[in-house]
Amino acid sequence: MTFEVHPVTKERWSDLVALFDRPIVRTCFCMFYRKTGSGTGVGSDNRKAMKALVNAGIVPGLIGYRDGAPVAWVSLGPREEYAKLRRSPIMKPVDDRPVWSIVCFFVDGEARGGGISERMLRAAVDHARSQGARLLEAYPVDSDGRSHPDDMYFGAKSMYDRAGFHEVARRRPTRPVVRRRLRANRSAT
């Protein structure tokens, strides 16, 4: 199996559309945390809003490809791009430091169970670092029992623990805020 991860760009838009042609992501189109107000909006509006971001040159996330087919997604970017995080009782800012946020993972059902989420997380760390981020933050689920995959779009805390993230806040028993400090790329200096 070959596995590659690439930023979402205009050239990869059709791959994102194909990946998001699933019931759980078709409606949201990963716009929920980027919008203000209640509700997620309708699928066509969210798709248009995501397309507008991509057309404007904003990279809203990364797509993972297994053997050339899009099978995974991670949404990340500067925290200020996610309007709903400011008001969230769980994900509100811990401090005023500039931070990038990871707000969503999606792995196609047929590709789950092979460590793809962890590969996507490693790619997200590398991407954030390459864009100058020095702190990367996430809001995983930390529960004793097994959760339904559709409820794990933030990822499991154990995955972040293995990737070197550390808990910096916990405002609900099962919802920590975790961070990882990112060092500058050596080749950039």
N, C-alpha and C. Protein backbone atom coordinates (compact mmCIF):
# COMPACT_ATOMS: atom_id res chain seq x y z
N MET A 1 0.85 -1.19 0.00
CA MET A 1 0.00 0.00 0.00
C MET A 1 0.88 1.24 0.00
N THR A 2 0.57 2.17 -0.88
CA THR A 2 1.24 3.46 -0.85
C THR A 2 0.30 4.46 -0.17
N PHE A 3 0.88 5.37 0.59
CA PHE A 3 0.07 6.38 1.28
C PHE A 3 0.77 7.71 1.14
N GLU A 4 0.01 8.71 0.68
CA GLU A 4 0.52 10.07 0.51
C GLU A 4 -0.48 11.04 1.10
N VAL A 5 0.01 12.19 1.53
CA VAL A 5 -0.85 13.25 2.05
C VAL A 5 -0.50 14.54 1.33
N HIS A 6 -1.53 15.27 0.90
CA HIS A 6 -1.32 16.52 0.18
C HIS A 6 -2.28 17.60 0.68
N PRO A 7 -1.85 18.86 0.67
CA PRO A 7 -2.76 19.96 1.00
C PRO A 7 -3.89 20.04 -0.02
N VAL A 8 -5.05 20.46 0.46
CA VAL A 8 -6.18 20.68 -0.45
C VAL A 8 -5.93 21.99 -1.19
N THR A 9 -5.91 21.88 -2.51
CA THR A 9 -5.72 23.02 -3.40
C THR A 9 -6.80 22.94 -4.48
N LYS A 10 -6.84 23.93 -5.34
CA LYS A 10 -7.81 23.91 -6.45
C LYS A 10 -7.67 22.63 -7.27
N GLU A 11 -6.43 22.22 -7.46
CA GLU A 11 -6.17 21.03 -8.27
C GLU A 11 -6.67 19.75 -7.61
N ARG A 12 -6.82 19.75 -6.30
CA ARG A 12 -7.26 18.57 -5.57
C ARG A 12 -8.72 18.68 -5.11
N TRP A 13 -9.41 19.71 -5.54
CA TRP A 13 -10.79 19.93 -5.12
C TRP A 13 -11.68 18.73 -5.43
N SER A 14 -11.57 18.18 -6.62
CA SER A 14 -12.43 17.05 -6.99
C SER A 14 -12.17 15.84 -6.09
N ASP A 15 -10.95 15.69 -5.60
CA ASP A 15 -10.65 14.60 -4.67
C ASP A 15 -11.36 14.81 -3.33
N LEU A 16 -11.40 16.06 -2.86
CA LEU A 16 -12.11 16.36 -1.61
C LEU A 16 -13.60 16.10 -1.79
N VAL A 17 -14.16 16.52 -2.91
CA VAL A 17 -15.58 16.29 -3.18
C VAL A 17 -15.87 14.79 -3.19
N ALA A 18 -15.02 14.01 -3.83
CA ALA A 18 -15.22 12.55 -3.87
C ALA A 18 -15.13 11.95 -2.47
N LEU A 19 -14.16 12.40 -1.68
CA LEU A 19 -14.01 11.89 -0.32
C LEU A 19 -15.21 12.26 0.54
N PHE A 20 -15.71 13.47 0.38
CA PHE A 20 -16.81 13.94 1.20
C PHE A 20 -18.18 13.48 0.70
N ASP A 21 -18.22 12.64 -0.30
CA ASP A 21 -19.49 12.10 -0.77
C ASP A 21 -19.90 10.92 0.12
N ARG A 22 -19.99 11.19 1.42
CA ARG A 22 -20.38 10.20 2.43
C ARG A 22 -21.40 10.89 3.33
N PRO A 23 -22.35 10.16 3.88
CA PRO A 23 -23.40 10.80 4.69
C PRO A 23 -22.90 11.68 5.82
N ILE A 24 -21.87 11.27 6.54
CA ILE A 24 -21.46 12.02 7.73
C ILE A 24 -20.79 13.35 7.38
N VAL A 25 -20.12 13.44 6.26
CA VAL A 25 -19.41 14.68 5.91
C VAL A 25 -20.06 15.46 4.77
N ARG A 26 -20.99 14.85 4.07
CA ARG A 26 -21.62 15.49 2.91
C ARG A 26 -22.33 16.78 3.31
N THR A 27 -22.99 16.79 4.44
CA THR A 27 -23.74 17.97 4.87
C THR A 27 -22.84 19.04 5.47
N CYS A 28 -21.94 18.64 6.34
CA CYS A 28 -21.07 19.59 7.04
C CYS A 28 -19.99 20.16 6.11
N PHE A 29 -19.43 19.34 5.27
CA PHE A 29 -18.32 19.70 4.40
C PHE A 29 -17.22 20.42 5.18
N CYS A 30 -17.10 20.02 6.44
CA CYS A 30 -16.09 20.51 7.37
C CYS A 30 -16.08 22.04 7.52
N MET A 31 -17.27 22.62 7.51
CA MET A 31 -17.41 24.06 7.68
C MET A 31 -17.97 24.45 9.06
N PHE A 32 -18.42 23.49 9.85
CA PHE A 32 -19.11 23.79 11.10
C PHE A 32 -18.31 24.74 11.99
N TYR A 33 -17.04 24.46 12.23
CA TYR A 33 -16.26 25.30 13.14
C TYR A 33 -15.77 26.59 12.49
N ARG A 34 -15.88 26.69 11.19
CA ARG A 34 -15.47 27.92 10.49
C ARG A 34 -16.58 28.96 10.47
N LYS A 35 -17.80 28.56 10.78
CA LYS A 35 -18.95 29.45 10.71
C LYS A 35 -19.34 29.94 12.10
N THR A 36 -20.08 31.03 12.12
CA THR A 36 -20.66 31.51 13.38
C THR A 36 -22.15 31.21 13.37
N GLY A 37 -22.77 31.31 14.50
CA GLY A 37 -24.19 31.05 14.60
C GLY A 37 -24.46 29.58 14.90
N SER A 38 -25.73 29.25 15.01
CA SER A 38 -26.08 27.88 15.35
C SER A 38 -26.27 27.06 14.09
N GLY A 39 -26.14 25.77 14.23
CA GLY A 39 -26.35 24.87 13.11
C GLY A 39 -25.14 24.77 12.20
N THR A 40 -25.20 23.81 11.31
CA THR A 40 -24.08 23.59 10.40
C THR A 40 -24.36 24.11 9.01
N GLY A 41 -25.58 24.51 8.73
CA GLY A 41 -25.92 24.93 7.39
C GLY A 41 -26.25 23.71 6.53
N VAL A 42 -26.64 23.98 5.32
CA VAL A 42 -26.97 22.88 4.42
C VAL A 42 -25.75 22.50 3.61
N GLY A 43 -25.75 21.27 3.12
CA GLY A 43 -24.59 20.74 2.41
C GLY A 43 -24.12 21.58 1.25
N SER A 44 -25.06 22.02 0.40
CA SER A 44 -24.64 22.79 -0.78
C SER A 44 -24.01 24.13 -0.38
N ASP A 45 -24.54 24.78 0.66
CA ASP A 45 -23.95 26.04 1.13
C ASP A 45 -22.56 25.81 1.71
N ASN A 46 -22.42 24.74 2.48
CA ASN A 46 -21.11 24.44 3.08
C ASN A 46 -20.09 24.07 2.01
N ARG A 47 -20.53 23.33 1.01
CA ARG A 47 -19.64 22.97 -0.09
C ARG A 47 -19.17 24.22 -0.82
N LYS A 48 -20.09 25.15 -1.09
CA LYS A 48 -19.72 26.40 -1.76
C LYS A 48 -18.76 27.22 -0.89
N ALA A 49 -18.99 27.25 0.41
CA ALA A 49 -18.12 28.01 1.32
C ALA A 49 -16.72 27.40 1.36
N MET A 50 -16.63 26.07 1.38
CA MET A 50 -15.32 25.42 1.37
C MET A 50 -14.63 25.67 0.03
N LYS A 51 -15.37 25.61 -1.05
CA LYS A 51 -14.80 25.86 -2.38
C LYS A 51 -14.26 27.29 -2.47
N ALA A 52 -14.98 28.24 -1.88
CA ALA A 52 -14.52 29.63 -1.88
C ALA A 52 -13.19 29.77 -1.14
N LEU A 53 -13.04 29.05 -0.02
CA LEU A 53 -11.76 29.07 0.71
C LEU A 53 -10.63 28.56 -0.18
N VAL A 54 -10.87 27.41 -0.79
CA VAL A 54 -9.85 26.79 -1.63
C VAL A 54 -9.53 27.70 -2.82
N ASN A 55 -10.55 28.27 -3.45
CA ASN A 55 -10.33 29.17 -4.59
C ASN A 55 -9.54 30.42 -4.19
N ALA A 56 -9.66 30.83 -2.92
CA ALA A 56 -8.93 32.00 -2.42
C ALA A 56 -7.49 31.66 -2.04
N GLY A 57 -7.11 30.40 -2.21
CA GLY A 57 -5.74 30.00 -1.91
C GLY A 57 -5.52 29.56 -0.47
N ILE A 58 -6.59 29.44 0.30
CA ILE A 58 -6.49 28.95 1.68
C ILE A 58 -6.46 27.43 1.64
N VAL A 59 -5.54 26.85 2.39
CA VAL A 59 -5.48 25.38 2.51
C VAL A 59 -6.26 25.01 3.77
N PRO A 60 -7.49 24.49 3.61
CA PRO A 60 -8.32 24.19 4.78
C PRO A 60 -8.00 22.86 5.45
N GLY A 61 -7.13 22.08 4.83
CA GLY A 61 -6.78 20.79 5.41
C GLY A 61 -5.96 19.96 4.44
N LEU A 62 -5.80 18.71 4.82
CA LEU A 62 -4.99 17.78 4.05
C LEU A 62 -5.81 16.56 3.66
N ILE A 63 -5.52 16.01 2.49
CA ILE A 63 -6.16 14.78 2.02
C ILE A 63 -5.13 13.67 2.03
N GLY A 64 -5.53 12.51 2.56
CA GLY A 64 -4.69 11.32 2.52
C GLY A 64 -5.14 10.40 1.41
N TYR A 65 -4.17 9.87 0.67
CA TYR A 65 -4.44 8.99 -0.47
C TYR A 65 -3.84 7.62 -0.22
N ARG A 66 -4.64 6.59 -0.34
CA ARG A 66 -4.15 5.22 -0.28
C ARG A 66 -4.20 4.67 -1.70
N ASP A 67 -3.04 4.27 -2.18
CA ASP A 67 -2.93 3.76 -3.56
C ASP A 67 -3.59 4.72 -4.56
N GLY A 68 -3.40 6.02 -4.36
CA GLY A 68 -3.88 7.03 -5.28
C GLY A 68 -5.32 7.49 -5.08
N ALA A 69 -6.07 6.81 -4.21
CA ALA A 69 -7.48 7.17 -3.98
C ALA A 69 -7.61 7.96 -2.69
N PRO A 70 -8.41 9.05 -2.69
CA PRO A 70 -8.59 9.83 -1.46
C PRO A 70 -9.37 9.03 -0.42
N VAL A 71 -8.78 8.86 0.78
CA VAL A 71 -9.42 8.07 1.84
C VAL A 71 -9.47 8.78 3.18
N ALA A 72 -8.78 9.92 3.33
CA ALA A 72 -8.72 10.55 4.65
C ALA A 72 -8.59 12.06 4.53
N TRP A 73 -8.97 12.71 5.61
CA TRP A 73 -9.00 14.18 5.68
C TRP A 73 -8.64 14.60 7.09
N VAL A 74 -7.92 15.71 7.20
CA VAL A 74 -7.73 16.39 8.48
C VAL A 74 -7.86 17.88 8.21
N SER A 75 -8.67 18.55 9.03
CA SER A 75 -8.87 19.99 8.93
C SER A 75 -7.99 20.67 9.97
N LEU A 76 -7.15 21.59 9.51
CA LEU A 76 -6.31 22.33 10.43
C LEU A 76 -5.99 23.68 9.84
N GLY A 77 -5.65 24.60 10.72
CA GLY A 77 -5.27 25.94 10.30
C GLY A 77 -5.14 26.83 11.51
N PRO A 78 -4.79 28.08 11.29
CA PRO A 78 -4.71 29.02 12.40
C PRO A 78 -6.04 29.08 13.15
N ARG A 79 -5.96 29.07 14.45
CA ARG A 79 -7.14 29.03 15.30
C ARG A 79 -8.17 30.09 14.92
N GLU A 80 -7.72 31.27 14.53
CA GLU A 80 -8.65 32.36 14.22
C GLU A 80 -9.51 32.06 12.98
N GLU A 81 -9.14 31.05 12.19
CA GLU A 81 -9.97 30.66 11.05
C GLU A 81 -11.22 29.87 11.48
N TYR A 82 -11.27 29.46 12.73
CA TYR A 82 -12.39 28.66 13.24
C TYR A 82 -13.20 29.49 14.23
N ALA A 83 -14.17 30.21 13.72
CA ALA A 83 -14.95 31.17 14.50
C ALA A 83 -15.62 30.53 15.72
N LYS A 84 -16.12 29.30 15.59
CA LYS A 84 -16.86 28.69 16.69
C LYS A 84 -15.97 28.32 17.88
N LEU A 85 -14.68 28.21 17.69
CA LEU A 85 -13.80 27.85 18.81
C LEU A 85 -13.79 28.94 19.88
N ARG A 86 -13.94 30.18 19.48
CA ARG A 86 -13.90 31.29 20.45
C ARG A 86 -14.98 31.18 21.51
N ARG A 87 -16.17 30.70 21.11
CA ARG A 87 -17.31 30.65 22.04
C ARG A 87 -17.50 29.30 22.69
N SER A 88 -16.77 28.31 22.27
CA SER A 88 -16.96 26.97 22.78
C SER A 88 -16.54 26.85 24.24
N PRO A 89 -17.39 26.29 25.09
CA PRO A 89 -16.98 26.11 26.49
C PRO A 89 -15.84 25.11 26.64
N ILE A 90 -15.69 24.21 25.71
CA ILE A 90 -14.63 23.20 25.77
C ILE A 90 -13.37 23.67 25.05
N MET A 91 -13.53 24.31 23.91
CA MET A 91 -12.39 24.63 23.05
C MET A 91 -12.01 26.10 23.04
N LYS A 92 -12.58 26.88 23.94
CA LYS A 92 -12.23 28.30 23.98
C LYS A 92 -10.72 28.44 24.25
N PRO A 93 -10.16 29.59 23.91
CA PRO A 93 -8.70 29.75 24.04
C PRO A 93 -8.21 29.48 25.46
N VAL A 94 -7.08 28.81 25.53
CA VAL A 94 -6.41 28.53 26.80
C VAL A 94 -5.62 29.77 27.23
N ASP A 95 -5.05 30.46 26.24
CA ASP A 95 -4.26 31.67 26.47
C ASP A 95 -4.28 32.48 25.19
N ASP A 96 -3.46 33.50 25.13
CA ASP A 96 -3.48 34.35 23.93
C ASP A 96 -2.34 34.05 22.96
N ARG A 97 -1.68 32.93 23.14
CA ARG A 97 -0.58 32.55 22.24
C ARG A 97 -1.12 32.16 20.87
N PRO A 98 -0.40 32.48 19.80
CA PRO A 98 -0.84 32.06 18.47
C PRO A 98 -0.73 30.54 18.35
N VAL A 99 -1.80 29.93 17.88
CA VAL A 99 -1.84 28.48 17.81
C VAL A 99 -2.62 28.05 16.57
N TRP A 100 -2.22 26.93 16.02
CA TRP A 100 -3.00 26.29 14.97
C TRP A 100 -3.87 25.23 15.64
N SER A 101 -5.03 24.99 15.06
CA SER A 101 -5.98 24.03 15.60
C SER A 101 -6.28 22.91 14.61
N ILE A 102 -6.46 21.72 15.15
CA ILE A 102 -6.97 20.58 14.40
C ILE A 102 -8.40 20.38 14.87
N VAL A 103 -9.36 20.44 13.94
CA VAL A 103 -10.76 20.33 14.35
C VAL A 103 -11.50 19.13 13.78
N CYS A 104 -10.90 18.40 12.85
CA CYS A 104 -11.65 17.29 12.28
C CYS A 104 -10.74 16.28 11.60
N PHE A 105 -11.06 15.02 11.81
CA PHE A 105 -10.48 13.91 11.05
C PHE A 105 -11.64 13.18 10.39
N PHE A 106 -11.39 12.67 9.21
CA PHE A 106 -12.34 11.76 8.58
C PHE A 106 -11.54 10.71 7.83
N VAL A 107 -11.86 9.44 8.09
CA VAL A 107 -11.27 8.33 7.35
C VAL A 107 -12.43 7.52 6.79
N ASP A 108 -12.38 7.26 5.49
CA ASP A 108 -13.41 6.45 4.86
C ASP A 108 -13.55 5.12 5.60
N GLY A 109 -14.79 4.66 5.76
CA GLY A 109 -15.06 3.44 6.51
C GLY A 109 -14.25 2.24 6.06
N GLU A 110 -14.02 2.11 4.76
CA GLU A 110 -13.26 0.96 4.24
C GLU A 110 -11.77 1.07 4.51
N ALA A 111 -11.30 2.24 4.90
CA ALA A 111 -9.87 2.45 5.16
C ALA A 111 -9.55 2.50 6.65
N ARG A 112 -10.54 2.41 7.50
CA ARG A 112 -10.31 2.51 8.95
C ARG A 112 -9.61 1.27 9.49
N GLY A 113 -8.91 1.49 10.59
CA GLY A 113 -8.26 0.38 11.27
C GLY A 113 -6.83 0.13 10.85
N GLY A 114 -6.30 0.93 9.95
CA GLY A 114 -4.93 0.71 9.47
C GLY A 114 -3.96 1.80 9.89
N GLY A 115 -4.30 2.59 10.89
CA GLY A 115 -3.39 3.63 11.35
C GLY A 115 -3.39 4.90 10.50
N ILE A 116 -4.38 5.05 9.66
CA ILE A 116 -4.39 6.21 8.77
C ILE A 116 -4.58 7.51 9.55
N SER A 117 -5.39 7.51 10.59
CA SER A 117 -5.55 8.74 11.38
C SER A 117 -4.22 9.19 11.96
N GLU A 118 -3.42 8.26 12.43
CA GLU A 118 -2.11 8.63 12.99
C GLU A 118 -1.19 9.17 11.90
N ARG A 119 -1.26 8.62 10.71
CA ARG A 119 -0.47 9.15 9.59
C ARG A 119 -0.94 10.56 9.24
N MET A 120 -2.24 10.77 9.28
CA MET A 120 -2.77 12.10 9.00
C MET A 120 -2.33 13.10 10.06
N LEU A 121 -2.29 12.66 11.32
CA LEU A 121 -1.85 13.54 12.39
C LEU A 121 -0.37 13.92 12.19
N ARG A 122 0.46 12.96 11.84
CA ARG A 122 1.88 13.28 11.58
C ARG A 122 2.00 14.28 10.43
N ALA A 123 1.20 14.08 9.39
CA ALA A 123 1.22 15.01 8.27
C ALA A 123 0.74 16.39 8.69
N ALA A 124 -0.27 16.44 9.56
CA ALA A 124 -0.77 17.73 10.05
C ALA A 124 0.32 18.47 10.83
N VAL A 125 1.05 17.75 11.67
CA VAL A 125 2.16 18.36 12.43
C VAL A 125 3.18 18.93 11.45
N ASP A 126 3.57 18.14 10.46
CA ASP A 126 4.56 18.59 9.49
C ASP A 126 4.06 19.80 8.70
N HIS A 127 2.79 19.75 8.29
CA HIS A 127 2.23 20.87 7.52
C HIS A 127 2.20 22.15 8.35
N ALA A 128 1.69 22.05 9.58
CA ALA A 128 1.62 23.24 10.43
C ALA A 128 3.02 23.83 10.64
N ARG A 129 3.98 22.97 10.89
CA ARG A 129 5.37 23.43 11.08
C ARG A 129 5.87 24.12 9.81
N SER A 130 5.60 23.53 8.66
CA SER A 130 6.08 24.12 7.39
C SER A 130 5.45 25.48 7.11
N GLN A 131 4.30 25.74 7.72
CA GLN A 131 3.61 27.02 7.54
C GLN A 131 3.96 28.04 8.62
N GLY A 132 4.91 27.68 9.48
CA GLY A 132 5.38 28.60 10.51
C GLY A 132 4.70 28.50 11.85
N ALA A 133 3.78 27.56 12.01
CA ALA A 133 3.12 27.39 13.31
C ALA A 133 4.14 26.92 14.35
N ARG A 134 4.01 27.40 15.55
CA ARG A 134 4.89 26.98 16.64
C ARG A 134 4.15 26.20 17.71
N LEU A 135 2.80 26.29 17.72
CA LEU A 135 1.97 25.50 18.62
C LEU A 135 0.83 24.91 17.81
N LEU A 136 0.57 23.63 18.03
CA LEU A 136 -0.55 22.94 17.38
C LEU A 136 -1.43 22.39 18.47
N GLU A 137 -2.73 22.67 18.38
CA GLU A 137 -3.68 22.34 19.44
C GLU A 137 -4.79 21.48 18.87
N ALA A 138 -5.34 20.61 19.73
CA ALA A 138 -6.46 19.76 19.31
C ALA A 138 -7.37 19.52 20.51
N TYR A 139 -8.54 18.94 20.24
CA TYR A 139 -9.60 18.81 21.23
C TYR A 139 -10.16 17.39 21.20
N PRO A 140 -9.33 16.40 21.50
CA PRO A 140 -9.72 15.00 21.31
C PRO A 140 -10.75 14.49 22.31
N VAL A 141 -11.19 13.28 22.06
CA VAL A 141 -12.09 12.56 22.95
C VAL A 141 -11.25 11.65 23.83
N ASP A 142 -11.52 11.67 25.13
CA ASP A 142 -10.80 10.83 26.09
C ASP A 142 -11.81 10.06 26.92
N SER A 143 -12.18 8.89 26.42
CA SER A 143 -13.17 8.08 27.14
C SER A 143 -12.65 6.67 27.34
N ASP A 144 -13.20 6.00 28.35
CA ASP A 144 -12.77 4.64 28.67
C ASP A 144 -13.31 3.63 27.67
N GLY A 145 -14.52 3.85 27.20
CA GLY A 145 -15.15 2.91 26.29
C GLY A 145 -14.82 3.19 24.84
N ARG A 146 -15.22 2.30 23.99
CA ARG A 146 -15.03 2.47 22.55
C ARG A 146 -16.15 3.37 22.02
N SER A 147 -15.78 4.40 21.30
CA SER A 147 -16.74 5.34 20.75
C SER A 147 -17.06 4.97 19.31
N HIS A 148 -18.24 5.37 18.87
CA HIS A 148 -18.63 5.16 17.47
C HIS A 148 -17.71 6.02 16.59
N PRO A 149 -17.21 5.47 15.48
CA PRO A 149 -16.30 6.25 14.62
C PRO A 149 -16.84 7.62 14.20
N ASP A 150 -18.15 7.74 14.01
CA ASP A 150 -18.72 9.02 13.61
C ASP A 150 -18.62 10.08 14.70
N ASP A 151 -18.38 9.65 15.94
CA ASP A 151 -18.24 10.59 17.05
C ASP A 151 -16.78 10.93 17.34
N MET A 152 -15.87 10.40 16.55
CA MET A 152 -14.45 10.56 16.82
C MET A 152 -13.76 11.51 15.85
N TYR A 153 -14.51 12.47 15.32
CA TYR A 153 -13.91 13.36 14.33
C TYR A 153 -12.82 14.25 14.90
N PHE A 154 -12.73 14.39 16.21
CA PHE A 154 -11.60 15.11 16.82
C PHE A 154 -10.40 14.19 17.04
N GLY A 155 -10.62 12.88 16.98
CA GLY A 155 -9.55 11.93 17.26
C GLY A 155 -9.53 11.54 18.72
N ALA A 156 -8.84 10.47 19.02
CA ALA A 156 -8.72 9.96 20.40
C ALA A 156 -7.50 10.58 21.07
N LYS A 157 -7.63 10.87 22.36
CA LYS A 157 -6.52 11.46 23.10
C LYS A 157 -5.28 10.57 23.03
N SER A 158 -5.47 9.27 23.09
CA SER A 158 -4.32 8.36 23.07
C SER A 158 -3.49 8.55 21.80
N MET A 159 -4.12 8.85 20.68
CA MET A 159 -3.40 9.09 19.43
C MET A 159 -2.52 10.33 19.57
N TYR A 160 -3.07 11.38 20.16
CA TYR A 160 -2.29 12.61 20.36
C TYR A 160 -1.17 12.39 21.38
N ASP A 161 -1.44 11.60 22.41
CA ASP A 161 -0.39 11.29 23.39
C ASP A 161 0.80 10.66 22.69
N ARG A 162 0.53 9.68 21.83
CA ARG A 162 1.62 8.99 21.11
C ARG A 162 2.36 9.94 20.18
N ALA A 163 1.70 11.00 19.75
CA ALA A 163 2.31 11.96 18.81
C ALA A 163 3.00 13.12 19.53
N GLY A 164 3.12 13.06 20.85
CA GLY A 164 3.86 14.07 21.59
C GLY A 164 3.07 15.28 22.02
N PHE A 165 1.74 15.20 21.98
CA PHE A 165 0.91 16.28 22.49
C PHE A 165 0.77 16.15 24.00
N HIS A 166 0.55 17.28 24.67
CA HIS A 166 0.39 17.29 26.13
C HIS A 166 -0.89 18.05 26.49
N GLU A 167 -1.57 17.55 27.50
CA GLU A 167 -2.81 18.20 27.93
C GLU A 167 -2.50 19.55 28.57
N VAL A 168 -3.26 20.58 28.16
CA VAL A 168 -3.08 21.92 28.71
C VAL A 168 -4.35 22.44 29.39
N ALA A 169 -5.48 21.78 29.17
CA ALA A 169 -6.74 22.15 29.82
C ALA A 169 -7.70 20.98 29.69
N ARG A 170 -8.67 20.95 30.61
CA ARG A 170 -9.74 19.94 30.55
C ARG A 170 -10.97 20.59 31.18
N ARG A 171 -11.89 20.95 30.32
CA ARG A 171 -13.09 21.65 30.78
C ARG A 171 -14.29 20.74 30.89
N ARG A 172 -14.20 19.53 30.37
CA ARG A 172 -15.21 18.47 30.51
C ARG A 172 -14.44 17.18 30.77
N PRO A 173 -15.02 16.26 31.51
CA PRO A 173 -14.28 15.05 31.88
C PRO A 173 -13.68 14.26 30.71
N THR A 174 -14.35 14.24 29.58
CA THR A 174 -13.85 13.45 28.45
C THR A 174 -13.30 14.29 27.31
N ARG A 175 -13.08 15.59 27.52
CA ARG A 175 -12.67 16.47 26.43
C ARG A 175 -11.49 17.37 26.82
N PRO A 176 -10.29 16.86 26.75
CA PRO A 176 -9.12 17.71 27.03
C PRO A 176 -8.77 18.60 25.85
N VAL A 177 -7.96 19.59 26.14
CA VAL A 177 -7.30 20.40 25.11
C VAL A 177 -5.84 19.98 25.17
N VAL A 178 -5.28 19.58 24.02
CA VAL A 178 -3.89 19.13 23.99
C VAL A 178 -3.10 20.00 23.02
N ARG A 179 -1.81 20.12 23.30
CA ARG A 179 -0.94 20.93 22.46
C ARG A 179 0.39 20.23 22.23
N ARG A 180 0.98 20.62 21.13
CA ARG A 180 2.35 20.19 20.84
C ARG A 180 3.12 21.40 20.35
N ARG A 181 4.28 21.60 20.94
CA ARG A 181 5.18 22.67 20.50
C ARG A 181 5.89 22.18 19.25
N LEU A 182 5.97 23.04 18.25
CA LEU A 182 6.61 22.69 16.99
C LEU A 182 7.91 23.47 16.83
N ARG A 183 8.94 22.78 16.48
CA ARG A 183 10.21 23.44 16.21
C ARG A 183 10.26 23.83 14.74
N ALA A 184 11.03 24.85 14.45
CA ALA A 184 11.18 25.29 13.06
C ALA A 184 11.86 24.19 12.25
N ASN A 185 11.53 24.11 10.99
CA ASN A 185 12.22 23.17 10.09
C ASN A 185 13.70 23.54 10.04
N ARG A 186 14.55 22.56 10.17
CA ARG A 186 16.00 22.81 10.11
C ARG A 186 16.41 23.36 8.76
N SER A 187 15.76 22.89 7.71
CA SER A 187 16.15 23.34 6.37
C SER A 187 15.75 24.80 6.12
N ALA A 188 14.83 25.32 6.94
CA ALA A 188 14.38 26.70 6.76
C ALA A 188 15.34 27.72 7.36
N THR A 189 16.28 27.25 8.18
CA THR A 189 17.22 28.18 8.82
C THR A 189 18.57 28.18 8.15
